[in-house]
Each structure stands twice: as C-alpha cells, then as structure tokens.
Amino acid sequence: MKNKDRNAAINNQGVGQTGAKKKKRKKAPIIIAAVVVILIGLRLISSMFTPKQKGIVTTTAAVRGDLQDSVSTSGTVESEEKKVIFSEVNGKIGQVNVQAGDAVKSGDILVSYDMKEMERLFKQAQLQQSKSTAAYNGAMAGNSESRAKLKEADTNLEILARQLADYKAQLKKLQTELEDSQRNTGNGLAGESLSLSNQAVQLEKELAALVPGSKEYEDKMKQLEDIRQQQTQNQYLQQIAGSTDYVAGKQREIAQVQEHIAACEEYKAEMEAQKSASEASVMDSYAKEQYSVDNQMAVMSYEDAEADYNRAQQGIYAEFDGIVTECTAIPGATVTEGMQMLTLESSGDVMVSFLLSKADVAKLAEGQKADVKIFDTVYEGEVSKVNRMAQMSASGTPMVGAQVHIKNPDDEIILGLDAKLVIYTRSTENALLIPVEAINADKDGDFLYVVENGVIVRKPIVCGISTDTHTEVLEGITEADRIVLTALTDIEEGMAVTAIPAD
C-alpha cells in the first residue's frame, strides 16, 4: 500500500514535478564536489595525525574441494597402424582398384596381377626344373656306372696280376724241364753214370778196409747209397731222354701256358683302359656338389614360381579397414618382388599426435584420459605414448612429441585433420585450494601474504597441482587464514592493513 500511494503521489505531481527533478540534478554535482573536498581535507588532517598509513587489501580463505588439472592443446589425426605394401611376386600388374584417399575394408582386392604372364613364368620355371632334375639324375646314374666299372677293373686287374705271376712261374718251370731233358740226351747222362760207378767202386774198397759199425763206416755207406740212387735215376732218365713223346708233351704244355699268358695280358690291357676311362668319368665331390646345387636351385626356382603364381591369384588385398594414403601401382607395369606399390593406414586404430612444452609434458603420463574434438564430435581418448626425445620447434624451443589414442573412432574421422585435445592429467580430492592470483614467488619459493590482527604476515607454502584458477596447497596455511588476494598499494610483511573480504 505504501508503494502504491507513493507511485500515485508521484504520478499526480505531473510536469511540475519533472521540473523539480531537473533542479535537483543540477544541484547534485555541486554537492558531490563539496563532499570530495571535505573527504580530501579529512584525509589530509588524518595523515597529519596518523603515524603510519594503513593499506587496504582484499582477502579470501582457502577452501576444501576437488581439483582436476588438464592440458589443452591441438594435434594431427594419424593412423596408429601404417603398412607399406610391396609386390610379393615378379610379374606384371593387371588392375589397380584404388587410388590415394580411398577408404577400403579388410579383404578388399587393391591390386590384381596379369595371370597370363604369371602362368608363363610358372611354366618356364617348371620346364627348367624338369631339365635340371633330368641332368642331375643322368649324371648320378653315369657316375654310379663309372664307379662300378672302376671297381670291376680294379678287381680284375688284381686277379690278373696273380694269374700272370702263376703262369709265368709255370712257364719257367716247363722251359727248365725241357732244357734239362734236352741236355740229358746223348752222352750227358752216360758220362755222369760212369763217374758215379767209379765213385761206387772206390767207396766199396774203402768200406772193405773199415770196421763195420764204426762212424766212418756208416758215413761211407750213406755216400754209397746216395750214389746208387742217383745211378738208378740216371738210368730212368736215359731211358726217357730220347723219347719224342716227352719232348712234344713239354712243348705243348709250354704253348698252352704261353696262350694263357697272352690272353691274360690282353684282358689286362682291356681292364687298364676301362680303369682309365672310369677314373676320368667318375665325378669328384666338387662336381657332385655342383650338380646337386644346380638341381636344388632349379627346384627352389620352381617352388618360388609356384608360390608366386598362387600369391598372384590372390592379388594384393587389404589386411584391415583403412585409407589408401599412397598408390604408385600402375596397370600393365612390370614389377619385381619387393617393389613398393601402396601405403595403407588403418582407420580403426587412430591417434592424435602433438607436441608439448617442457612444463606441460611434465604433467603427462601414459594412460591419462583425454577428450578429442574433431569437427563438432568429441571422442574418448587416452595418452598412449610420450616420446623420450625432444625436438626443436621453428622458434628454437625444445618440444616433446606425444600421442593420444582415440578409443571410439568412427567413419567420420579423416586422417590428417587437426584435432583439439583436453588431457586430464593430475587430480586431487578434498584438497586445500586457493586462487592462483594470491600466490607470490621469489628466490626462496612460493609464499602467501595473510592478515593476522590487522598486520601483514608472510607464509611460505608448498603447492600441489594447479589449474588456471586454483592451486592446491600442501603445506603452509589452514582454512582459518585470511589470505591477501589483492592490494591497492604495495604491501610488505609487518604493514598494518585494513582487510576487506573479497566475497
């Protein structure tokens, strides 16, 4: 009711009241100026009688709360899995189904080969392997045959040597017997028989003069018996010495033995020739190794060609979902194994790479959560790597590279774009917090000014984590302290001040 009555009274005054208001407004500047002059005068009088002027400060108190530190930066979207694809075969490219920038799915055929050319190469390797195997088998068979002939020749030559020795000994014996028989014909044996008869007569005379049973007698008797046996043999030889059948028989035996010797000599020459030829054709270990290596190389070439043919039939396909970031393959081009053709980067495993200063990287650790903003979409992220080597920026400042893995990527992510990051680093709960602008620092460290009984007191503090607005205090103050937040003049410890709560 009072407000209504007041409004009604004001409305009833009309224009006249409006004029009264204008008069009051003209008087207001004069009144304000007078007040200012009075205040200045009072301040001068007060300064004359006050020994030390008090400063005016605003204060606040530390509060308990949770604090989450973070690092905000930006980086480039990159793939975590990058595969440079090389040609797996020697051949010719058939079709190229992609180009740089294309998105592909796992299993998509990226490049196919010209299978006619691959089939020709495969057939060529197959024929070469067959030829090499045949040459190897033929060489090994020939070598086995040569070794068998060499062994045969060595064995036969050894037997022939013994046979020849036996035949030559037999020939010599027969020839001696023939010569003896021929020598004994005529007066040869007769003269010898007469000599033996004379010797016998002489021994008989000597025996007559000796005592029977004596040693000399026995010796003479033995000599006499030997002479008589020789006489008997000479008589037999004299009977057959002149026999034509005996001589002819010995000559036939000699001829037969000579034929055997000639046959052995002929066979020996044949075996010696066989041995010489076999020794020349038998392969040494080096030649066998060469044939074996050549055959193995041909087999390997065939196996490689077969494997290339099978791989070429499959073509080059994507092993994972991704983006083709580079393509150098050209249809119809001849390629060799190991030639670079494509670069495929995964679109399912992506990250943001970025650089941080020394101050910020000290807060970073693998596993910390992050928000990744690309366009208007925010993705979940996690610090996956912090490099252990700094690199110089364009301004000469050392910067450290790091990576944030995107945990929930989608098809809207484009590699190479910028992304904004907020990385949640350290955090604390129920901590003692103060505004960052209240903190002072000098060579001794961080400190605060607090007001105790109207006087400034300096208190060193130990700080914890910090954000843009608040800092955690680990040591130095309590919630009861009145912390100087701002001051109208310079302050120092021991100064008397007037404290005005900031709130």
Protein backbone atom coordinates (compact mmCIF):
# COMPACT_ATOMS: atom_id res chain seq x y z
CA MET A 1 0.00 0.00 0.00
CA LYS A 2 2.81 2.39 0.78
CA ASN A 3 4.43 1.76 -2.60
CA LYS A 4 1.11 2.27 -4.38
CA ASP A 5 0.42 5.53 -2.53
CA ARG A 6 3.94 6.73 -3.32
CA ASN A 7 3.56 5.95 -7.00
CA ALA A 8 0.19 7.65 -7.08
CA ALA A 9 1.61 10.77 -5.46
CA ILE A 10 4.43 10.87 -7.97
CA ASN A 11 2.04 10.50 -10.87
CA ASN A 12 -0.20 13.27 -9.56
CA GLN A 13 2.64 15.76 -9.48
CA GLY A 14 2.81 15.88 -13.28
CA VAL A 15 5.04 18.27 -15.15
CA GLY A 16 5.81 20.46 -12.21
CA GLN A 17 7.49 17.63 -10.50
CA THR A 18 9.51 16.98 -13.57
CA GLY A 19 10.91 20.45 -13.35
CA ALA A 20 11.69 19.94 -9.66
CA LYS A 21 13.70 16.84 -10.54
CA LYS A 22 15.76 18.76 -13.03
CA LYS A 23 16.63 21.31 -10.41
CA LYS A 24 17.77 18.62 -8.04
CA ARG A 25 20.00 17.13 -10.74
CA LYS A 26 21.70 20.48 -11.26
CA LYS A 27 22.47 20.70 -7.57
CA ALA A 28 23.89 17.13 -7.38
CA PRO A 29 27.34 17.84 -8.97
CA ILE A 30 27.86 20.74 -6.61
CA ILE A 31 27.05 18.60 -3.61
CA ILE A 32 29.34 15.75 -4.81
CA ALA A 33 32.21 18.18 -5.36
CA ALA A 34 31.75 19.57 -1.89
CA VAL A 35 31.79 16.08 -0.39
CA VAL A 36 35.01 15.21 -2.24
CA VAL A 37 36.71 18.38 -0.98
CA ILE A 38 35.63 17.58 2.57
CA LEU A 39 36.92 13.99 2.29
CA ILE A 40 40.26 15.16 0.91
CA GLY A 41 40.54 17.60 3.75
CA LEU A 42 39.72 14.98 6.33
CA ARG A 43 42.30 12.61 4.73
CA LEU A 44 44.98 15.32 4.88
CA ILE A 45 44.16 16.08 8.52
CA SER A 46 44.15 12.35 9.29
CA SER A 47 47.52 11.88 7.60
CA MET A 48 48.98 14.65 9.67
CA PHE A 49 47.97 12.98 12.97
CA THR A 50 48.34 9.25 11.96
CA PRO A 51 51.89 7.91 12.44
CA LYS A 52 51.61 5.17 9.72
CA GLN A 53 49.10 4.89 6.91
CA LYS A 54 47.09 1.67 6.66
CA GLY A 55 46.79 -0.14 3.35
CA ILE A 56 43.54 -1.59 2.06
CA VAL A 57 43.59 -5.26 0.95
CA THR A 58 41.02 -7.78 -0.11
CA THR A 59 41.26 -11.19 1.49
CA THR A 60 39.93 -14.65 0.94
CA ALA A 61 40.15 -18.03 2.67
CA ALA A 62 41.36 -21.41 1.47
CA VAL A 63 38.54 -23.84 0.79
CA ARG A 64 38.28 -27.60 0.54
CA GLY A 65 37.42 -29.07 -2.83
CA ASP A 66 38.35 -31.32 -5.74
CA LEU A 67 40.81 -30.21 -8.40
CA GLN A 68 41.38 -31.62 -11.86
CA ASP A 69 44.41 -30.39 -13.76
CA SER A 70 44.42 -30.60 -17.54
CA VAL A 71 46.47 -29.74 -20.60
CA SER A 72 44.77 -28.20 -23.62
CA THR A 73 46.46 -28.41 -26.99
CA SER A 74 45.90 -29.48 -30.58
CA GLY A 75 47.41 -32.09 -32.85
CA THR A 76 47.05 -34.03 -36.09
CA VAL A 77 44.90 -37.10 -36.64
CA GLU A 78 47.07 -40.02 -37.73
CA SER A 79 46.77 -43.78 -38.07
CA GLU A 80 48.36 -46.00 -35.46
CA GLU A 81 48.85 -48.80 -37.97
CA LYS A 82 50.59 -48.00 -41.21
CA LYS A 83 51.58 -50.66 -43.71
CA VAL A 84 53.66 -50.08 -46.80
CA ILE A 85 52.61 -52.79 -49.25
CA PHE A 86 55.24 -54.22 -51.60
CA SER A 87 54.87 -56.55 -54.54
CA GLU A 88 55.18 -60.14 -53.39
CA VAL A 89 55.95 -61.52 -56.87
CA ASN A 90 57.86 -60.84 -60.06
CA GLY A 91 55.32 -60.17 -62.74
CA LYS A 92 53.06 -57.65 -64.38
CA ILE A 93 50.24 -55.61 -62.81
CA GLY A 94 46.78 -56.33 -64.15
CA GLN A 95 44.34 -53.90 -62.48
CA VAL A 96 44.65 -51.22 -59.80
CA ASN A 97 41.33 -50.89 -57.97
CA VAL A 98 42.14 -47.96 -55.64
CA GLN A 99 43.80 -44.59 -55.55
CA ALA A 100 45.18 -42.39 -52.78
CA GLY A 101 42.44 -41.26 -50.40
CA ASP A 102 40.13 -44.25 -50.92
CA ALA A 103 38.65 -45.99 -47.90
CA VAL A 104 38.80 -49.78 -48.05
CA LYS A 105 37.56 -52.69 -45.99
CA SER A 106 39.55 -55.68 -44.82
CA GLY A 107 39.71 -58.24 -47.62
CA ASP A 108 39.17 -55.79 -50.50
CA ILE A 109 41.32 -56.51 -53.56
CA LEU A 110 43.55 -53.47 -54.08
CA VAL A 111 45.73 -54.67 -56.97
CA SER A 112 45.49 -57.73 -59.24
CA TYR A 113 48.24 -59.29 -61.39
CA ASP A 114 48.32 -60.26 -65.07
CA MET A 115 47.82 -64.04 -64.69
CA LYS A 116 48.83 -64.87 -68.28
CA GLU A 117 52.29 -63.53 -67.59
CA MET A 118 52.40 -65.33 -64.23
CA GLU A 119 51.39 -68.60 -65.88
CA ARG A 120 54.16 -68.21 -68.48
CA LEU A 121 56.77 -67.63 -65.78
CA PHE A 122 55.48 -70.59 -63.79
CA LYS A 123 55.64 -72.91 -66.86
CA GLN A 124 59.16 -71.71 -67.66
CA ALA A 125 60.34 -72.50 -64.13
CA GLN A 126 58.64 -75.89 -64.29
CA LEU A 127 60.47 -76.83 -67.52
CA GLN A 128 63.78 -75.62 -66.14
CA GLN A 129 63.30 -77.71 -63.01
CA SER A 130 62.49 -80.81 -65.11
CA LYS A 131 65.58 -80.25 -67.24
CA SER A 132 67.83 -79.79 -64.23
CA THR A 133 66.42 -82.86 -62.49
CA ALA A 134 66.96 -84.98 -65.59
CA ALA A 135 70.54 -83.73 -65.90
CA TYR A 136 71.19 -84.44 -62.25
CA ASN A 137 69.69 -87.95 -62.39
CA GLY A 138 71.64 -88.72 -65.59
CA ALA A 139 74.89 -87.50 -64.10
CA MET A 140 74.35 -89.52 -60.93
CA ALA A 141 73.47 -92.67 -62.93
CA GLY A 142 76.53 -92.23 -65.14
CA ASN A 143 78.69 -91.67 -62.12
CA SER A 144 77.37 -94.85 -60.49
CA GLU A 145 78.09 -96.83 -63.68
CA SER A 146 81.61 -95.41 -63.90
CA ARG A 147 82.29 -96.27 -60.28
CA ALA A 148 81.04 -99.84 -60.89
CA LYS A 149 83.31 -100.24 -63.92
CA LEU A 150 86.24 -98.81 -61.99
CA LYS A 151 85.65 -101.26 -59.19
CA GLU A 152 85.36 -104.12 -61.73
CA ALA A 153 88.63 -103.10 -63.41
CA ASP A 154 90.49 -102.85 -60.09
CA THR A 155 89.24 -106.28 -59.02
CA ASN A 156 90.08 -107.97 -62.35
CA LEU A 157 93.50 -106.36 -62.55
CA GLU A 158 94.31 -107.68 -59.11
CA ILE A 159 93.26 -111.22 -60.15
CA LEU A 160 95.10 -110.98 -63.47
CA ALA A 161 98.28 -109.96 -61.71
CA ARG A 162 98.18 -113.13 -59.62
CA GLN A 163 97.29 -115.30 -62.63
CA LEU A 164 100.11 -113.90 -64.75
CA ALA A 165 102.58 -114.46 -61.96
CA ASP A 166 101.42 -118.10 -61.67
CA TYR A 167 101.50 -118.68 -65.45
CA LYS A 168 104.96 -117.16 -65.82
CA ALA A 169 106.29 -119.30 -62.98
CA GLN A 170 104.77 -122.40 -64.60
CA LEU A 171 106.25 -121.46 -67.99
CA LYS A 172 109.67 -121.06 -66.49
CA LYS A 173 109.43 -124.47 -64.84
CA LEU A 174 108.32 -126.16 -68.07
CA GLN A 175 111.05 -124.50 -70.02
CA THR A 176 113.64 -125.65 -67.45
CA GLU A 177 112.36 -129.22 -67.59
CA LEU A 178 112.52 -129.18 -71.38
CA GLU A 179 116.03 -127.84 -71.33
CA ASP A 180 117.05 -130.50 -68.77
CA SER A 181 115.60 -133.26 -70.91
CA GLN A 182 117.39 -131.99 -73.97
CA ARG A 183 120.64 -131.66 -72.04
CA ASN A 184 120.39 -135.24 -70.77
CA THR A 185 120.16 -136.82 -74.23
CA GLY A 186 123.30 -138.45 -75.75
CA ASN A 187 126.48 -138.82 -73.60
CA GLY A 188 125.46 -136.42 -70.92
CA LEU A 189 123.85 -138.95 -68.59
CA ALA A 190 126.26 -141.71 -69.66
CA GLY A 191 129.27 -139.76 -68.58
CA GLU A 192 127.59 -138.92 -65.31
CA SER A 193 126.71 -142.64 -64.76
CA LEU A 194 130.34 -143.70 -65.35
CA SER A 195 131.55 -141.20 -62.83
CA LEU A 196 129.01 -142.48 -60.32
CA SER A 197 130.16 -146.13 -60.96
CA ASN A 198 133.74 -145.20 -60.34
CA GLN A 199 132.77 -143.46 -57.14
CA ALA A 200 130.84 -146.54 -56.02
CA VAL A 201 133.78 -148.86 -56.66
CA GLN A 202 136.09 -146.64 -54.72
CA LEU A 203 133.68 -146.49 -51.75
CA GLU A 204 133.32 -150.29 -51.73
CA LYS A 205 137.08 -150.65 -51.50
CA GLU A 206 137.23 -148.21 -48.66
CA LEU A 207 134.40 -149.95 -46.82
CA ALA A 208 136.28 -153.25 -47.01
CA ALA A 209 139.11 -151.74 -45.01
CA LEU A 210 136.84 -150.27 -42.35
CA VAL A 211 135.33 -151.80 -39.27
CA PRO A 212 131.60 -152.36 -39.73
CA GLY A 213 129.53 -150.30 -37.27
CA SER A 214 132.10 -147.57 -36.91
CA LYS A 215 131.10 -143.99 -37.62
CA GLU A 216 133.38 -143.72 -40.66
CA TYR A 217 131.98 -146.95 -41.97
CA GLU A 218 128.39 -145.64 -41.62
CA ASP A 219 129.27 -142.37 -43.37
CA LYS A 220 130.83 -144.22 -46.30
CA MET A 221 127.76 -146.48 -46.51
CA LYS A 222 125.42 -143.47 -46.73
CA GLN A 223 127.52 -141.95 -49.53
CA LEU A 224 127.37 -145.24 -51.37
CA GLU A 225 123.58 -145.43 -51.06
CA ASP A 226 123.18 -141.87 -52.45
CA ILE A 227 125.38 -142.73 -55.42
CA ARG A 228 123.36 -145.87 -56.17
CA GLN A 229 120.06 -143.86 -56.02
CA GLN A 230 121.49 -141.32 -58.44
CA GLN A 231 122.60 -144.15 -60.72
CA THR A 232 119.04 -145.54 -60.70
CA GLN A 233 117.55 -142.12 -61.57
CA ASN A 234 120.08 -141.61 -64.36
CA GLN A 235 119.18 -144.95 -65.81
CA TYR A 236 115.44 -143.84 -65.88
CA LEU A 237 116.34 -140.52 -67.40
CA GLN A 238 118.46 -142.19 -70.01
CA GLN A 239 115.52 -144.36 -70.90
CA ILE A 240 113.06 -141.39 -71.41
CA ALA A 241 115.52 -138.70 -72.50
CA GLY A 242 115.44 -139.77 -76.03
CA SER A 243 111.60 -140.17 -76.06
CA THR A 244 109.84 -137.97 -78.69
CA ASP A 245 106.55 -138.02 -76.81
CA TYR A 246 108.11 -136.49 -73.72
CA VAL A 247 109.60 -133.53 -75.60
CA ALA A 248 106.43 -132.95 -77.58
CA GLY A 249 104.35 -133.05 -74.41
CA LYS A 250 106.52 -130.45 -72.72
CA GLN A 251 106.34 -128.23 -75.77
CA ARG A 252 102.52 -128.45 -75.83
CA GLU A 253 102.37 -127.54 -72.16
CA ILE A 254 104.65 -124.57 -72.78
CA ALA A 255 102.48 -123.42 -75.70
CA GLN A 256 99.31 -123.67 -73.61
CA VAL A 257 100.84 -121.65 -70.81
CA GLN A 258 102.02 -119.02 -73.27
CA GLU A 259 98.48 -118.78 -74.69
CA HIS A 260 97.12 -118.25 -71.19
CA ILE A 261 99.70 -115.55 -70.58
CA ALA A 262 98.81 -113.80 -73.85
CA ALA A 263 95.08 -113.94 -73.01
CA CYS A 264 95.74 -112.51 -69.56
CA GLU A 265 97.86 -109.74 -71.00
CA GLU A 266 95.14 -108.85 -73.48
CA TYR A 267 92.43 -108.80 -70.77
CA LYS A 268 94.77 -106.82 -68.53
CA ALA A 269 95.14 -104.15 -71.24
CA GLU A 270 91.35 -104.04 -71.59
CA MET A 271 90.86 -103.61 -67.84
CA GLU A 272 93.56 -100.93 -67.68
CA ALA A 273 91.77 -99.00 -70.42
CA GLN A 274 88.44 -99.45 -68.58
CA LYS A 275 90.02 -98.24 -65.37
CA SER A 276 91.48 -95.17 -67.05
CA ALA A 277 88.17 -94.28 -68.69
CA SER A 278 86.20 -94.86 -65.48
CA GLU A 279 88.56 -92.76 -63.40
CA ALA A 280 88.14 -89.91 -65.89
CA SER A 281 84.33 -90.10 -65.79
CA VAL A 282 83.89 -90.61 -62.04
CA MET A 283 82.84 -87.27 -60.50
CA ASP A 284 84.71 -85.86 -57.56
CA SER A 285 82.89 -84.34 -54.58
CA TYR A 286 83.00 -80.85 -56.10
CA ALA A 287 81.38 -81.93 -59.36
CA LYS A 288 78.68 -83.84 -57.48
CA GLU A 289 78.07 -80.83 -55.27
CA GLN A 290 77.72 -78.61 -58.33
CA TYR A 291 75.13 -80.90 -59.92
CA SER A 292 73.31 -81.12 -56.59
CA VAL A 293 73.32 -77.35 -56.07
CA ASP A 294 72.16 -76.68 -59.63
CA ASN A 295 69.29 -79.10 -59.16
CA GLN A 296 68.35 -77.62 -55.78
CA MET A 297 68.38 -74.11 -57.25
CA ALA A 298 66.12 -75.23 -60.07
CA VAL A 299 63.76 -76.86 -57.58
CA MET A 300 63.74 -73.70 -55.46
CA SER A 301 63.07 -71.55 -58.51
CA TYR A 302 60.16 -73.79 -59.40
CA GLU A 303 58.79 -73.66 -55.85
CA ASP A 304 59.17 -69.87 -55.81
CA ALA A 305 57.42 -69.59 -59.16
CA GLU A 306 54.62 -71.82 -57.91
CA ALA A 307 54.27 -69.75 -54.74
CA ASP A 308 54.31 -66.52 -56.80
CA TYR A 309 51.62 -67.92 -59.06
CA ASN A 310 49.42 -68.82 -56.09
CA ARG A 311 50.01 -65.42 -54.43
CA ALA A 312 49.32 -63.62 -57.70
CA GLN A 313 45.97 -65.39 -57.96
CA GLN A 314 45.03 -63.89 -54.58
CA GLY A 315 46.20 -60.40 -55.59
CA ILE A 316 47.07 -57.67 -53.09
CA TYR A 317 44.27 -57.23 -50.58
CA ALA A 318 43.63 -55.02 -47.57
CA GLU A 319 44.51 -56.71 -44.30
CA PHE A 320 42.46 -54.23 -42.27
CA ASP A 321 39.96 -51.40 -42.66
CA GLY A 322 41.82 -48.28 -43.65
CA ILE A 323 42.67 -45.45 -46.01
CA VAL A 324 44.97 -45.74 -49.01
CA THR A 325 47.34 -42.82 -48.42
CA GLU A 326 49.73 -43.55 -51.28
CA CYS A 327 49.43 -45.55 -54.52
CA THR A 328 52.29 -45.95 -57.00
CA ALA A 329 50.99 -49.09 -58.77
CA ILE A 330 50.26 -48.63 -62.49
CA PRO A 331 48.23 -51.10 -64.59
CA GLY A 332 50.43 -53.02 -67.05
CA ALA A 333 53.68 -52.12 -65.27
CA THR A 334 56.26 -54.82 -64.73
CA VAL A 335 57.12 -55.23 -61.05
CA THR A 336 59.70 -57.15 -59.10
CA GLU A 337 59.37 -58.69 -55.69
CA GLY A 338 59.85 -56.01 -53.03
CA MET A 339 58.79 -53.06 -55.20
CA GLN A 340 56.62 -50.55 -53.28
CA MET A 341 53.05 -50.30 -54.55
CA LEU A 342 50.69 -48.96 -51.85
CA THR A 343 50.52 -47.46 -48.40
CA LEU A 344 47.52 -48.42 -46.26
CA GLU A 345 46.77 -46.74 -42.94
CA SER A 346 44.22 -48.12 -40.52
CA SER A 347 41.02 -46.19 -39.93
CA GLY A 348 40.11 -48.34 -36.94
CA ASP A 349 43.25 -47.64 -34.92
CA VAL A 350 43.78 -43.88 -34.96
CA MET A 351 45.51 -41.35 -32.75
CA VAL A 352 46.31 -37.68 -32.42
CA SER A 353 49.98 -36.76 -32.40
CA PHE A 354 51.03 -33.45 -30.88
CA LEU A 355 53.92 -31.51 -29.33
CA LEU A 356 54.15 -30.21 -25.77
CA SER A 357 56.41 -27.80 -23.93
CA LYS A 358 58.65 -28.85 -21.07
CA ALA A 359 56.16 -27.57 -18.49
CA ASP A 360 53.20 -29.44 -19.93
CA VAL A 361 54.97 -32.70 -20.72
CA ALA A 362 55.95 -32.99 -17.06
CA LYS A 363 52.26 -33.45 -16.28
CA LEU A 364 51.72 -36.14 -18.93
CA ALA A 365 51.71 -39.91 -18.31
CA GLU A 366 50.56 -42.86 -20.37
CA GLY A 367 47.01 -43.95 -19.60
CA GLN A 368 45.64 -40.47 -18.80
CA LYS A 369 42.15 -39.78 -20.17
CA ALA A 370 41.56 -37.16 -22.83
CA ASP A 371 38.78 -35.55 -24.84
CA VAL A 372 39.43 -35.38 -28.59
CA LYS A 373 37.34 -32.94 -30.58
CA ILE A 374 37.21 -33.31 -34.37
CA PHE A 375 34.72 -31.03 -36.08
CA ASP A 376 31.86 -30.97 -33.55
CA THR A 377 32.30 -34.54 -32.32
CA VAL A 378 34.11 -35.32 -29.08
CA TYR A 379 35.79 -38.75 -28.87
CA GLU A 380 37.22 -40.59 -25.91
CA GLY A 381 40.98 -40.60 -25.82
CA GLU A 382 43.87 -41.92 -23.79
CA VAL A 383 47.53 -40.95 -23.72
CA SER A 384 49.30 -43.86 -25.41
CA LYS A 385 52.85 -42.61 -25.81
CA VAL A 386 55.19 -39.86 -24.62
CA ASN A 387 58.42 -39.62 -26.57
CA ARG A 388 61.72 -39.78 -24.73
CA MET A 389 63.47 -37.33 -27.04
CA ALA A 390 62.71 -33.65 -27.57
CA GLN A 391 62.80 -31.89 -30.92
CA MET A 392 63.40 -28.24 -31.66
CA SER A 393 60.48 -26.14 -32.84
CA ALA A 394 60.76 -23.45 -35.51
CA SER A 395 61.31 -20.88 -32.74
CA GLY A 396 64.13 -22.93 -31.22
CA THR A 397 62.09 -24.19 -28.26
CA PRO A 398 62.51 -27.85 -27.32
CA MET A 399 59.20 -29.69 -27.68
CA VAL A 400 58.29 -33.29 -26.82
CA GLY A 401 56.05 -35.39 -29.03
CA ALA A 402 53.19 -37.44 -27.62
CA GLN A 403 50.19 -39.44 -28.84
CA VAL A 404 46.58 -39.84 -27.73
CA HIS A 405 44.78 -42.99 -28.82
CA ILE A 406 41.15 -42.49 -29.91
CA LYS A 407 39.12 -45.23 -28.24
CA ASN A 408 35.86 -44.88 -30.15
CA PRO A 409 36.65 -43.82 -33.74
CA ASP A 410 34.01 -43.80 -36.46
CA ASP A 411 33.85 -43.38 -40.23
CA GLU A 412 33.68 -39.58 -39.89
CA ILE A 413 37.33 -39.31 -38.85
CA ILE A 414 39.61 -38.06 -41.62
CA LEU A 415 43.34 -38.64 -41.39
CA GLY A 416 45.49 -35.52 -41.48
CA LEU A 417 42.93 -33.16 -39.90
CA ASP A 418 43.58 -31.05 -36.82
CA ALA A 419 42.04 -32.15 -33.54
CA LYS A 420 41.65 -30.29 -30.27
CA LEU A 421 42.73 -32.08 -27.10
CA VAL A 422 41.95 -31.72 -23.44
CA ILE A 423 44.12 -34.12 -21.48
CA TYR A 424 43.14 -34.73 -17.90
CA THR A 425 46.39 -35.01 -16.02
CA ARG A 426 46.64 -34.90 -12.24
CA SER A 427 43.65 -34.66 -9.88
CA THR A 428 43.04 -34.37 -6.15
CA GLU A 429 40.03 -34.65 -3.86
CA ASN A 430 39.14 -32.68 -0.72
CA ALA A 431 42.28 -30.58 -1.13
CA LEU A 432 43.01 -27.16 0.36
CA LEU A 433 42.56 -24.75 -2.57
CA ILE A 434 43.46 -21.09 -3.08
CA PRO A 435 43.11 -18.73 -6.07
CA VAL A 436 46.22 -18.68 -8.24
CA GLU A 437 46.42 -14.86 -8.15
CA ALA A 438 47.10 -14.96 -4.40
CA ILE A 439 50.41 -16.79 -4.84
CA ASN A 440 53.69 -14.89 -4.78
CA ALA A 441 57.15 -16.21 -5.55
CA ASP A 442 60.77 -15.21 -5.08
CA LYS A 443 64.14 -16.94 -4.95
CA ASP A 444 63.09 -18.76 -1.78
CA GLY A 445 59.96 -20.25 -3.36
CA ASP A 446 56.19 -19.75 -3.24
CA PHE A 447 54.57 -17.77 -0.42
CA LEU A 448 51.34 -16.02 0.59
CA TYR A 449 50.56 -12.79 2.45
CA VAL A 450 47.97 -13.29 5.20
CA VAL A 451 46.41 -10.81 7.60
CA GLU A 452 46.78 -11.55 11.29
CA ASN A 453 45.46 -8.99 13.79
CA GLY A 454 45.43 -6.30 11.09
CA VAL A 455 49.09 -6.88 10.13
CA ILE A 456 50.59 -8.47 7.01
CA VAL A 457 52.36 -11.81 7.66
CA ARG A 458 54.38 -13.72 5.03
CA LYS A 459 53.82 -17.51 4.95
CA PRO A 460 55.87 -19.89 2.75
CA ILE A 461 53.76 -22.62 1.14
CA VAL A 462 54.21 -25.88 -0.71
CA CYS A 463 51.99 -26.11 -3.78
CA GLY A 464 50.49 -29.21 -5.34
CA ILE A 465 48.64 -29.40 -8.63
CA SER A 466 47.24 -26.30 -10.26
CA THR A 467 44.66 -25.21 -12.81
CA ASP A 468 44.10 -21.85 -14.46
CA THR A 469 42.09 -20.65 -11.45
CA HIS A 470 43.12 -22.60 -8.34
CA THR A 471 46.19 -24.23 -6.79
CA GLU A 472 46.41 -26.99 -4.22
CA VAL A 473 48.33 -26.04 -1.04
CA LEU A 474 50.05 -28.97 0.64
CA GLU A 475 51.77 -27.09 3.49
CA GLY A 476 51.86 -23.59 5.00
CA ILE A 477 48.27 -22.42 5.72
CA THR A 478 44.93 -23.50 7.14
CA GLU A 479 41.34 -22.69 6.32
CA ALA A 480 41.35 -20.11 9.14
CA ASP A 481 43.99 -17.91 7.49
CA ARG A 482 42.87 -14.72 5.77
CA ILE A 483 44.84 -14.69 2.55
CA VAL A 484 45.59 -11.40 0.80
CA LEU A 485 44.07 -11.58 -2.64
CA THR A 486 44.63 -8.01 -3.92
CA ALA A 487 46.00 -4.76 -2.51
CA LEU A 488 45.51 -1.11 -3.52
CA THR A 489 49.16 -0.34 -2.69
CA ASP A 490 52.39 -2.23 -2.35
CA ILE A 491 52.45 -4.27 0.81
CA GLU A 492 55.18 -5.86 2.86
CA GLU A 493 55.42 -8.01 5.95
CA GLY A 494 54.59 -6.10 9.13
CA MET A 495 52.42 -3.47 7.42
CA ALA A 496 49.14 -2.62 9.11
CA VAL A 497 46.26 -3.01 6.70
CA THR A 498 42.54 -2.83 6.52
CA ALA A 499 41.22 -6.18 5.30
CA ILE A 500 38.08 -6.34 3.20
CA PRO A 501 36.72 -9.84 2.44
CA ALA A 502 36.69 -10.45 -1.31
CA ASP A 503 33.24 -12.01 -1.21
